[in-house]
Amino acid sequence: MTNISSTALNKPVLREGSTGEAVRELQRLLLPHGVFYYVDSNHACVFPGEEVIDGIFGPATTNAVKIFQSKMFLPQDGIVDDRTWRAAYFSGPVDMPLLRRGDRGELVELIQQRLSNGGYYRSAIDGDFGPATESAVKDLQISAGLDIDGVVGNDTWSELSKLYADLCL
């Protein structure tokens, strides 16, 4: 079985100013992720419906793409390249490394932040995948019904993408 998360989709690169059926397809894929929204005059979050599927890659679609990219641990450039297309089709992060105890760096910081957003992690966000991070990952895995190994693999990355914190999300 082919894993769509690692298979090129041969979709066009889209950016602000693009128009047409590929933009409509992208908008349809992004709509269920709740990334199209605006804040009204009462400071309430408004989530539009199907009307955002207009085939025009304007400012609203650019903003939605950037939010989606952030949720999926992608560079937030607003440009829909193959990796963004695959994340939209897969509905989760793609091409992410396995991370485990002993790893360090920016991705570990992002994991710690997401785990903190979800109430799983209460230690310093320091980029060190130590015992506290491993324990928080295991707690997330238990909560999500995943295999409990403390390793951040595909399924755990997908669960972490759901812990995105934003004004309206």
N, C-alpha and C. Protein backbone atom coordinates (compact mmCIF):
# COMPACT_ATOMS: atom_id res chain seq x y z
N MET A 1 0.84 -1.19 0.00
CA MET A 1 0.00 0.00 0.00
C MET A 1 0.89 1.25 0.00
N THR A 2 0.59 2.20 -0.85
CA THR A 2 1.36 3.43 -0.95
C THR A 2 0.91 4.41 0.13
N ASN A 3 1.86 5.03 0.78
CA ASN A 3 1.56 6.03 1.79
C ASN A 3 1.52 7.39 1.12
N ILE A 4 0.32 7.99 1.05
CA ILE A 4 0.16 9.27 0.37
C ILE A 4 1.00 10.37 1.01
N SER A 5 1.34 10.21 2.28
CA SER A 5 2.11 11.26 2.94
C SER A 5 3.53 11.37 2.39
N SER A 6 4.00 10.33 1.68
CA SER A 6 5.36 10.39 1.14
C SER A 6 5.39 10.30 -0.38
N THR A 7 4.23 10.33 -1.02
CA THR A 7 4.13 10.23 -2.47
C THR A 7 3.86 11.61 -3.07
N ALA A 8 4.66 11.99 -4.06
CA ALA A 8 4.42 13.28 -4.73
C ALA A 8 3.06 13.24 -5.41
N LEU A 9 2.33 14.34 -5.34
CA LEU A 9 0.98 14.40 -5.90
C LEU A 9 0.92 15.07 -7.26
N ASN A 10 2.02 15.64 -7.71
CA ASN A 10 2.07 16.33 -9.01
C ASN A 10 0.99 17.41 -9.13
N LYS A 11 0.84 18.19 -8.09
CA LYS A 11 -0.09 19.32 -8.08
C LYS A 11 0.70 20.59 -8.37
N PRO A 12 0.03 21.60 -8.91
CA PRO A 12 0.74 22.85 -9.19
C PRO A 12 1.10 23.60 -7.91
N VAL A 13 2.19 24.34 -7.97
CA VAL A 13 2.54 25.24 -6.87
C VAL A 13 1.56 26.41 -6.94
N LEU A 14 0.93 26.70 -5.80
CA LEU A 14 -0.04 27.79 -5.74
C LEU A 14 0.44 28.85 -4.77
N ARG A 15 0.05 30.08 -5.06
CA ARG A 15 0.38 31.21 -4.18
C ARG A 15 -0.66 32.29 -4.41
N GLU A 16 -0.57 33.33 -3.59
CA GLU A 16 -1.52 34.44 -3.75
C GLU A 16 -1.48 34.93 -5.20
N GLY A 17 -2.67 35.07 -5.78
CA GLY A 17 -2.79 35.47 -7.17
C GLY A 17 -3.18 34.31 -8.08
N SER A 18 -2.95 33.06 -7.62
CA SER A 18 -3.36 31.90 -8.41
C SER A 18 -4.88 31.82 -8.46
N THR A 19 -5.40 31.27 -9.53
CA THR A 19 -6.85 31.08 -9.67
C THR A 19 -7.12 29.74 -10.34
N GLY A 20 -8.36 29.28 -10.22
CA GLY A 20 -8.77 28.10 -10.97
C GLY A 20 -9.15 26.92 -10.11
N GLU A 21 -9.31 25.78 -10.80
CA GLU A 21 -9.79 24.56 -10.16
C GLU A 21 -8.83 24.04 -9.09
N ALA A 22 -7.53 24.16 -9.29
CA ALA A 22 -6.57 23.70 -8.28
C ALA A 22 -6.73 24.50 -6.98
N VAL A 23 -7.02 25.79 -7.10
CA VAL A 23 -7.25 26.61 -5.91
C VAL A 23 -8.53 26.16 -5.21
N ARG A 24 -9.59 25.89 -6.00
CA ARG A 24 -10.83 25.38 -5.41
C ARG A 24 -10.58 24.06 -4.66
N GLU A 25 -9.80 23.19 -5.27
CA GLU A 25 -9.48 21.91 -4.63
C GLU A 25 -8.76 22.15 -3.30
N LEU A 26 -7.78 23.03 -3.31
CA LEU A 26 -7.06 23.36 -2.08
C LEU A 26 -8.01 23.92 -1.03
N GLN A 27 -8.86 24.85 -1.42
CA GLN A 27 -9.80 25.45 -0.47
C GLN A 27 -10.73 24.40 0.12
N ARG A 28 -11.19 23.44 -0.71
CA ARG A 28 -12.03 22.35 -0.20
C ARG A 28 -11.27 21.49 0.81
N LEU A 29 -10.00 21.24 0.55
CA LEU A 29 -9.20 20.44 1.47
C LEU A 29 -8.94 21.16 2.79
N LEU A 30 -8.77 22.47 2.74
CA LEU A 30 -8.45 23.23 3.95
C LEU A 30 -9.67 23.55 4.81
N LEU A 31 -10.84 23.67 4.20
CA LEU A 31 -12.04 24.10 4.93
C LEU A 31 -12.31 23.26 6.19
N PRO A 32 -12.24 21.93 6.14
CA PRO A 32 -12.52 21.15 7.36
C PRO A 32 -11.51 21.36 8.49
N HIS A 33 -10.36 21.95 8.18
CA HIS A 33 -9.34 22.19 9.21
C HIS A 33 -9.62 23.46 10.02
N GLY A 34 -10.66 24.21 9.65
CA GLY A 34 -11.03 25.40 10.41
C GLY A 34 -10.04 26.55 10.30
N VAL A 35 -9.29 26.60 9.21
CA VAL A 35 -8.26 27.62 9.07
C VAL A 35 -8.74 28.88 8.34
N PHE A 36 -9.95 28.84 7.80
CA PHE A 36 -10.55 30.04 7.22
C PHE A 36 -11.39 30.69 8.31
N TYR A 37 -10.98 31.83 8.79
CA TYR A 37 -11.78 32.55 9.77
C TYR A 37 -11.36 34.01 9.81
N TYR A 38 -12.20 34.80 10.42
CA TYR A 38 -11.86 36.19 10.68
C TYR A 38 -12.47 36.58 12.02
N VAL A 39 -11.99 37.66 12.59
CA VAL A 39 -12.49 38.16 13.86
C VAL A 39 -13.39 39.34 13.55
N ASP A 40 -14.65 39.27 14.01
CA ASP A 40 -15.60 40.34 13.70
C ASP A 40 -15.44 41.51 14.67
N SER A 41 -16.30 42.51 14.52
CA SER A 41 -16.20 43.74 15.33
C SER A 41 -16.46 43.48 16.81
N ASN A 42 -17.09 42.37 17.15
CA ASN A 42 -17.32 42.01 18.55
C ASN A 42 -16.21 41.10 19.09
N HIS A 43 -15.13 40.99 18.32
CA HIS A 43 -13.98 40.16 18.69
C HIS A 43 -14.33 38.68 18.76
N ALA A 44 -15.35 38.29 18.01
CA ALA A 44 -15.74 36.88 17.94
C ALA A 44 -15.13 36.26 16.68
N CYS A 45 -14.77 35.02 16.77
CA CYS A 45 -14.23 34.30 15.62
C CYS A 45 -15.38 33.84 14.74
N VAL A 46 -15.28 34.16 13.46
CA VAL A 46 -16.31 33.77 12.50
C VAL A 46 -15.68 32.80 11.51
N PHE A 47 -16.29 31.64 11.38
CA PHE A 47 -15.81 30.61 10.46
C PHE A 47 -16.77 30.52 9.29
N PRO A 48 -16.36 31.05 8.13
CA PRO A 48 -17.24 30.99 6.97
C PRO A 48 -17.37 29.55 6.47
N GLY A 49 -18.34 29.34 5.60
CA GLY A 49 -18.58 28.01 5.05
C GLY A 49 -18.07 27.89 3.63
N GLU A 50 -18.87 27.20 2.82
CA GLU A 50 -18.50 26.89 1.44
C GLU A 50 -18.22 28.13 0.58
N GLU A 51 -18.65 29.29 1.01
CA GLU A 51 -18.43 30.49 0.19
C GLU A 51 -16.96 30.82 0.01
N VAL A 52 -16.09 30.26 0.85
CA VAL A 52 -14.65 30.52 0.67
C VAL A 52 -14.08 29.73 -0.50
N ILE A 53 -14.82 28.76 -1.00
CA ILE A 53 -14.35 27.95 -2.14
C ILE A 53 -14.74 28.68 -3.42
N ASP A 54 -13.88 29.63 -3.79
CA ASP A 54 -14.18 30.48 -4.95
C ASP A 54 -13.13 30.39 -6.05
N GLY A 55 -12.08 29.60 -5.83
CA GLY A 55 -11.05 29.44 -6.85
C GLY A 55 -10.09 30.61 -6.96
N ILE A 56 -10.16 31.53 -5.99
CA ILE A 56 -9.28 32.71 -6.00
C ILE A 56 -8.36 32.63 -4.78
N PHE A 57 -7.07 32.61 -5.02
CA PHE A 57 -6.08 32.55 -3.95
C PHE A 57 -5.76 33.99 -3.55
N GLY A 58 -6.65 34.54 -2.72
CA GLY A 58 -6.48 35.91 -2.24
C GLY A 58 -5.95 35.92 -0.82
N PRO A 59 -6.05 37.07 -0.15
CA PRO A 59 -5.52 37.20 1.21
C PRO A 59 -6.12 36.19 2.21
N ALA A 60 -7.42 35.89 2.09
CA ALA A 60 -8.04 34.95 3.03
C ALA A 60 -7.45 33.55 2.86
N THR A 61 -7.23 33.14 1.61
CA THR A 61 -6.64 31.82 1.37
C THR A 61 -5.18 31.81 1.80
N THR A 62 -4.47 32.90 1.55
CA THR A 62 -3.07 32.98 2.00
C THR A 62 -3.00 32.81 3.51
N ASN A 63 -3.85 33.52 4.23
CA ASN A 63 -3.87 33.42 5.69
C ASN A 63 -4.21 31.99 6.13
N ALA A 64 -5.21 31.39 5.48
CA ALA A 64 -5.60 30.02 5.82
C ALA A 64 -4.45 29.04 5.57
N VAL A 65 -3.75 29.21 4.46
CA VAL A 65 -2.61 28.34 4.15
C VAL A 65 -1.52 28.49 5.21
N LYS A 66 -1.22 29.72 5.62
CA LYS A 66 -0.18 29.93 6.63
C LYS A 66 -0.56 29.29 7.97
N ILE A 67 -1.83 29.40 8.35
CA ILE A 67 -2.28 28.77 9.60
C ILE A 67 -2.17 27.25 9.47
N PHE A 68 -2.62 26.72 8.33
CA PHE A 68 -2.52 25.28 8.10
C PHE A 68 -1.07 24.82 8.13
N GLN A 69 -0.18 25.56 7.48
CA GLN A 69 1.23 25.20 7.49
C GLN A 69 1.79 25.19 8.91
N SER A 70 1.40 26.15 9.71
CA SER A 70 1.87 26.18 11.09
C SER A 70 1.36 24.96 11.86
N LYS A 71 0.08 24.63 11.69
CA LYS A 71 -0.48 23.44 12.34
C LYS A 71 0.28 22.18 11.97
N MET A 72 0.73 22.12 10.73
CA MET A 72 1.37 20.91 10.20
C MET A 72 2.90 20.95 10.27
N PHE A 73 3.44 21.90 11.03
CA PHE A 73 4.89 21.99 11.23
C PHE A 73 5.64 22.28 9.93
N LEU A 74 5.02 23.05 9.04
CA LEU A 74 5.63 23.43 7.76
C LEU A 74 6.07 24.88 7.81
N PRO A 75 7.01 25.29 6.96
CA PRO A 75 7.35 26.71 6.87
C PRO A 75 6.10 27.51 6.49
N GLN A 76 5.88 28.61 7.17
CA GLN A 76 4.67 29.41 6.99
C GLN A 76 4.89 30.50 5.95
N ASP A 77 5.02 30.09 4.70
CA ASP A 77 5.28 31.05 3.63
C ASP A 77 4.06 31.34 2.76
N GLY A 78 2.95 30.63 2.99
CA GLY A 78 1.74 30.86 2.21
C GLY A 78 1.80 30.28 0.81
N ILE A 79 2.88 29.60 0.47
CA ILE A 79 3.03 28.98 -0.85
C ILE A 79 2.70 27.49 -0.72
N VAL A 80 1.82 27.02 -1.59
CA VAL A 80 1.38 25.63 -1.54
C VAL A 80 2.26 24.81 -2.48
N ASP A 81 3.26 24.17 -1.89
CA ASP A 81 4.17 23.31 -2.64
C ASP A 81 3.74 21.86 -2.42
N ASP A 82 4.54 20.91 -2.89
CA ASP A 82 4.16 19.50 -2.79
C ASP A 82 3.95 19.07 -1.34
N ARG A 83 4.80 19.53 -0.46
CA ARG A 83 4.67 19.12 0.95
C ARG A 83 3.37 19.63 1.57
N THR A 84 2.98 20.86 1.24
CA THR A 84 1.72 21.40 1.75
C THR A 84 0.54 20.64 1.15
N TRP A 85 0.60 20.36 -0.16
CA TRP A 85 -0.46 19.56 -0.79
C TRP A 85 -0.61 18.21 -0.07
N ARG A 86 0.52 17.53 0.16
CA ARG A 86 0.46 16.21 0.80
C ARG A 86 -0.11 16.30 2.21
N ALA A 87 0.26 17.33 2.96
CA ALA A 87 -0.30 17.50 4.30
C ALA A 87 -1.81 17.72 4.23
N ALA A 88 -2.26 18.47 3.21
CA ALA A 88 -3.70 18.71 3.05
C ALA A 88 -4.43 17.41 2.71
N TYR A 89 -3.88 16.62 1.83
CA TYR A 89 -4.50 15.34 1.47
C TYR A 89 -4.45 14.33 2.61
N PHE A 90 -3.32 14.29 3.30
CA PHE A 90 -3.10 13.33 4.38
C PHE A 90 -3.79 13.79 5.66
N SER A 91 -4.13 15.08 5.74
CA SER A 91 -4.71 15.70 6.94
C SER A 91 -3.79 15.53 8.14
N GLY A 92 -2.50 15.67 7.89
CA GLY A 92 -1.53 15.58 8.97
C GLY A 92 -0.14 15.93 8.48
N PRO A 93 0.78 16.08 9.42
CA PRO A 93 2.16 16.40 9.06
C PRO A 93 2.78 15.31 8.18
N VAL A 94 3.68 15.72 7.29
CA VAL A 94 4.36 14.78 6.40
C VAL A 94 5.87 15.00 6.47
N ASP A 95 6.61 13.96 6.17
CA ASP A 95 8.07 14.01 6.12
C ASP A 95 8.70 14.45 7.44
N MET A 96 8.08 14.05 8.54
CA MET A 96 8.61 14.43 9.85
C MET A 96 9.53 13.32 10.37
N PRO A 97 10.59 13.70 11.08
CA PRO A 97 11.52 12.69 11.60
C PRO A 97 10.96 12.00 12.84
N LEU A 98 11.48 10.82 13.13
CA LEU A 98 11.21 10.18 14.41
C LEU A 98 12.01 10.92 15.46
N LEU A 99 11.36 11.31 16.52
CA LEU A 99 12.07 11.99 17.62
C LEU A 99 11.82 11.22 18.90
N ARG A 100 12.86 11.16 19.71
CA ARG A 100 12.78 10.39 20.95
C ARG A 100 13.71 11.01 21.99
N ARG A 101 13.65 10.42 23.18
CA ARG A 101 14.49 10.87 24.28
C ARG A 101 15.94 10.96 23.83
N GLY A 102 16.57 12.09 24.16
CA GLY A 102 17.96 12.34 23.77
C GLY A 102 18.08 13.31 22.61
N ASP A 103 17.00 13.46 21.83
CA ASP A 103 17.03 14.41 20.72
C ASP A 103 16.92 15.84 21.25
N ARG A 104 17.43 16.78 20.45
CA ARG A 104 17.41 18.20 20.83
C ARG A 104 17.12 19.04 19.60
N GLY A 105 16.62 20.26 19.84
CA GLY A 105 16.49 21.19 18.75
C GLY A 105 15.13 21.85 18.65
N GLU A 106 14.97 22.58 17.54
CA GLU A 106 13.78 23.39 17.31
C GLU A 106 12.51 22.54 17.23
N LEU A 107 12.59 21.38 16.57
CA LEU A 107 11.40 20.53 16.48
C LEU A 107 10.98 20.02 17.86
N VAL A 108 11.95 19.74 18.71
CA VAL A 108 11.62 19.31 20.07
C VAL A 108 10.93 20.46 20.81
N GLU A 109 11.39 21.69 20.60
CA GLU A 109 10.71 22.85 21.20
C GLU A 109 9.27 22.94 20.73
N LEU A 110 9.05 22.73 19.42
CA LEU A 110 7.68 22.76 18.89
C LEU A 110 6.82 21.67 19.51
N ILE A 111 7.39 20.48 19.67
CA ILE A 111 6.66 19.38 20.32
C ILE A 111 6.29 19.78 21.75
N GLN A 112 7.26 20.33 22.47
CA GLN A 112 7.01 20.74 23.85
C GLN A 112 5.91 21.80 23.92
N GLN A 113 5.93 22.75 22.97
CA GLN A 113 4.91 23.79 22.95
C GLN A 113 3.53 23.19 22.70
N ARG A 114 3.43 22.30 21.72
CA ARG A 114 2.13 21.67 21.43
C ARG A 114 1.65 20.83 22.62
N LEU A 115 2.56 20.09 23.24
CA LEU A 115 2.19 19.30 24.41
C LEU A 115 1.74 20.21 25.55
N SER A 116 2.38 21.36 25.69
CA SER A 116 1.98 22.35 26.69
C SER A 116 0.59 22.89 26.36
N ASN A 117 0.34 23.20 25.08
CA ASN A 117 -0.99 23.67 24.66
C ASN A 117 -2.08 22.69 25.06
N GLY A 118 -1.76 21.40 24.96
CA GLY A 118 -2.74 20.36 25.27
C GLY A 118 -2.80 19.98 26.74
N GLY A 119 -1.97 20.63 27.57
CA GLY A 119 -1.97 20.33 29.00
C GLY A 119 -1.18 19.09 29.38
N TYR A 120 -0.38 18.57 28.47
CA TYR A 120 0.40 17.37 28.74
C TYR A 120 1.78 17.67 29.29
N TYR A 121 2.30 18.85 29.02
CA TYR A 121 3.69 19.18 29.36
C TYR A 121 3.71 20.44 30.21
N ARG A 122 4.39 20.37 31.35
CA ARG A 122 4.40 21.50 32.27
C ARG A 122 5.82 21.94 32.64
N SER A 123 6.81 21.47 31.92
CA SER A 123 8.20 21.82 32.20
C SER A 123 8.67 22.91 31.26
N ALA A 124 9.93 23.28 31.37
CA ALA A 124 10.51 24.33 30.53
C ALA A 124 10.54 23.88 29.07
N ILE A 125 10.22 24.81 28.19
CA ILE A 125 10.32 24.56 26.75
C ILE A 125 11.75 24.90 26.38
N ASP A 126 12.58 23.85 26.32
CA ASP A 126 14.02 24.04 26.18
C ASP A 126 14.64 23.30 25.00
N GLY A 127 13.82 22.57 24.24
CA GLY A 127 14.34 21.86 23.08
C GLY A 127 15.08 20.58 23.41
N ASP A 128 15.01 20.13 24.67
CA ASP A 128 15.68 18.90 25.10
C ASP A 128 14.63 17.82 25.33
N PHE A 129 14.66 16.77 24.53
CA PHE A 129 13.71 15.66 24.66
C PHE A 129 14.20 14.77 25.80
N GLY A 130 13.86 15.20 27.01
CA GLY A 130 14.27 14.47 28.20
C GLY A 130 13.11 13.69 28.79
N PRO A 131 13.24 13.28 30.05
CA PRO A 131 12.21 12.46 30.70
C PRO A 131 10.84 13.14 30.75
N ALA A 132 10.79 14.45 30.99
CA ALA A 132 9.50 15.15 31.08
C ALA A 132 8.80 15.16 29.72
N THR A 133 9.56 15.38 28.66
CA THR A 133 8.97 15.37 27.32
C THR A 133 8.51 13.97 26.96
N GLU A 134 9.33 12.98 27.25
CA GLU A 134 8.94 11.60 26.97
C GLU A 134 7.66 11.21 27.71
N SER A 135 7.56 11.61 28.97
CA SER A 135 6.37 11.31 29.76
C SER A 135 5.14 11.99 29.17
N ALA A 136 5.30 13.25 28.73
CA ALA A 136 4.18 13.98 28.13
C ALA A 136 3.76 13.34 26.81
N VAL A 137 4.72 12.89 26.02
CA VAL A 137 4.41 12.20 24.76
C VAL A 137 3.62 10.93 25.05
N LYS A 138 4.05 10.18 26.06
CA LYS A 138 3.33 8.96 26.43
C LYS A 138 1.91 9.27 26.88
N ASP A 139 1.74 10.36 27.65
CA ASP A 139 0.39 10.75 28.09
C ASP A 139 -0.50 11.08 26.89
N LEU A 140 0.05 11.80 25.91
CA LEU A 140 -0.70 12.09 24.69
C LEU A 140 -1.04 10.79 23.96
N GLN A 141 -0.09 9.90 23.85
CA GLN A 141 -0.33 8.63 23.17
C GLN A 141 -1.43 7.82 23.86
N ILE A 142 -1.42 7.81 25.18
CA ILE A 142 -2.48 7.13 25.93
C ILE A 142 -3.83 7.77 25.62
N SER A 143 -3.88 9.09 25.71
CA SER A 143 -5.12 9.83 25.46
C SER A 143 -5.66 9.60 24.06
N ALA A 144 -4.75 9.46 23.08
CA ALA A 144 -5.16 9.31 21.68
C ALA A 144 -5.35 7.84 21.28
N GLY A 145 -5.09 6.92 22.20
CA GLY A 145 -5.24 5.51 21.88
C GLY A 145 -4.15 4.97 20.96
N LEU A 146 -2.97 5.57 21.03
CA LEU A 146 -1.85 5.14 20.20
C LEU A 146 -0.98 4.14 20.96
N ASP A 147 -0.07 3.50 20.24
CA ASP A 147 0.95 2.68 20.90
C ASP A 147 1.77 3.59 21.81
N ILE A 148 2.02 3.14 23.01
CA ILE A 148 2.70 3.97 24.01
C ILE A 148 4.18 3.61 24.03
N ASP A 149 4.96 4.43 23.31
CA ASP A 149 6.40 4.17 23.25
C ASP A 149 7.23 5.42 23.56
N GLY A 150 6.58 6.58 23.71
CA GLY A 150 7.31 7.81 24.01
C GLY A 150 8.08 8.37 22.84
N VAL A 151 7.91 7.78 21.66
CA VAL A 151 8.59 8.21 20.44
C VAL A 151 7.60 8.99 19.58
N VAL A 152 8.05 10.10 19.02
CA VAL A 152 7.18 10.90 18.15
C VAL A 152 7.38 10.41 16.71
N GLY A 153 6.44 9.58 16.26
CA GLY A 153 6.40 9.07 14.89
C GLY A 153 5.17 9.63 14.18
N ASN A 154 4.81 9.06 13.05
CA ASN A 154 3.72 9.60 12.22
C ASN A 154 2.43 9.84 12.98
N ASP A 155 1.95 8.82 13.72
CA ASP A 155 0.67 8.96 14.42
C ASP A 155 0.74 10.02 15.51
N THR A 156 1.86 10.09 16.20
CA THR A 156 2.01 11.09 17.26
C THR A 156 2.14 12.49 16.67
N TRP A 157 2.86 12.63 15.54
CA TRP A 157 2.92 13.93 14.86
C TRP A 157 1.50 14.39 14.50
N SER A 158 0.69 13.46 14.01
CA SER A 158 -0.68 13.79 13.63
C SER A 158 -1.47 14.30 14.84
N GLU A 159 -1.33 13.62 15.97
CA GLU A 159 -2.02 14.07 17.19
C GLU A 159 -1.49 15.43 17.65
N LEU A 160 -0.18 15.64 17.54
CA LEU A 160 0.39 16.94 17.92
C LEU A 160 -0.15 18.07 17.06
N SER A 161 -0.44 17.79 15.79
CA SER A 161 -0.97 18.83 14.91
C SER A 161 -2.34 19.31 15.38
N LYS A 162 -3.04 18.48 16.12
CA LYS A 162 -4.37 18.85 16.63
C LYS A 162 -4.27 19.74 17.86
N LEU A 163 -3.07 19.88 18.43
CA LEU A 163 -2.88 20.69 19.63
C LEU A 163 -2.42 22.11 19.30
N TYR A 164 -2.66 22.53 18.07
CA TYR A 164 -2.29 23.87 17.63
C TYR A 164 -3.11 24.90 18.40
N ALA A 165 -2.45 25.93 18.91
CA ALA A 165 -3.14 27.00 19.64
C ALA A 165 -3.12 28.28 18.82
N ASP A 166 -4.27 28.87 18.68
CA ASP A 166 -4.43 30.10 17.91
C ASP A 166 -5.57 30.87 18.55
N LEU A 167 -5.71 32.11 18.19
CA LEU A 167 -6.78 32.94 18.73
C LEU A 167 -8.13 32.24 18.61
N CYS A 168 -8.41 31.66 17.46
CA CYS A 168 -9.72 31.07 17.20
C CYS A 168 -9.73 29.55 17.19
N LEU A 169 -8.58 28.94 17.24
CA LEU A 169 -8.55 27.47 17.14
C LEU A 169 -8.21 26.85 18.47
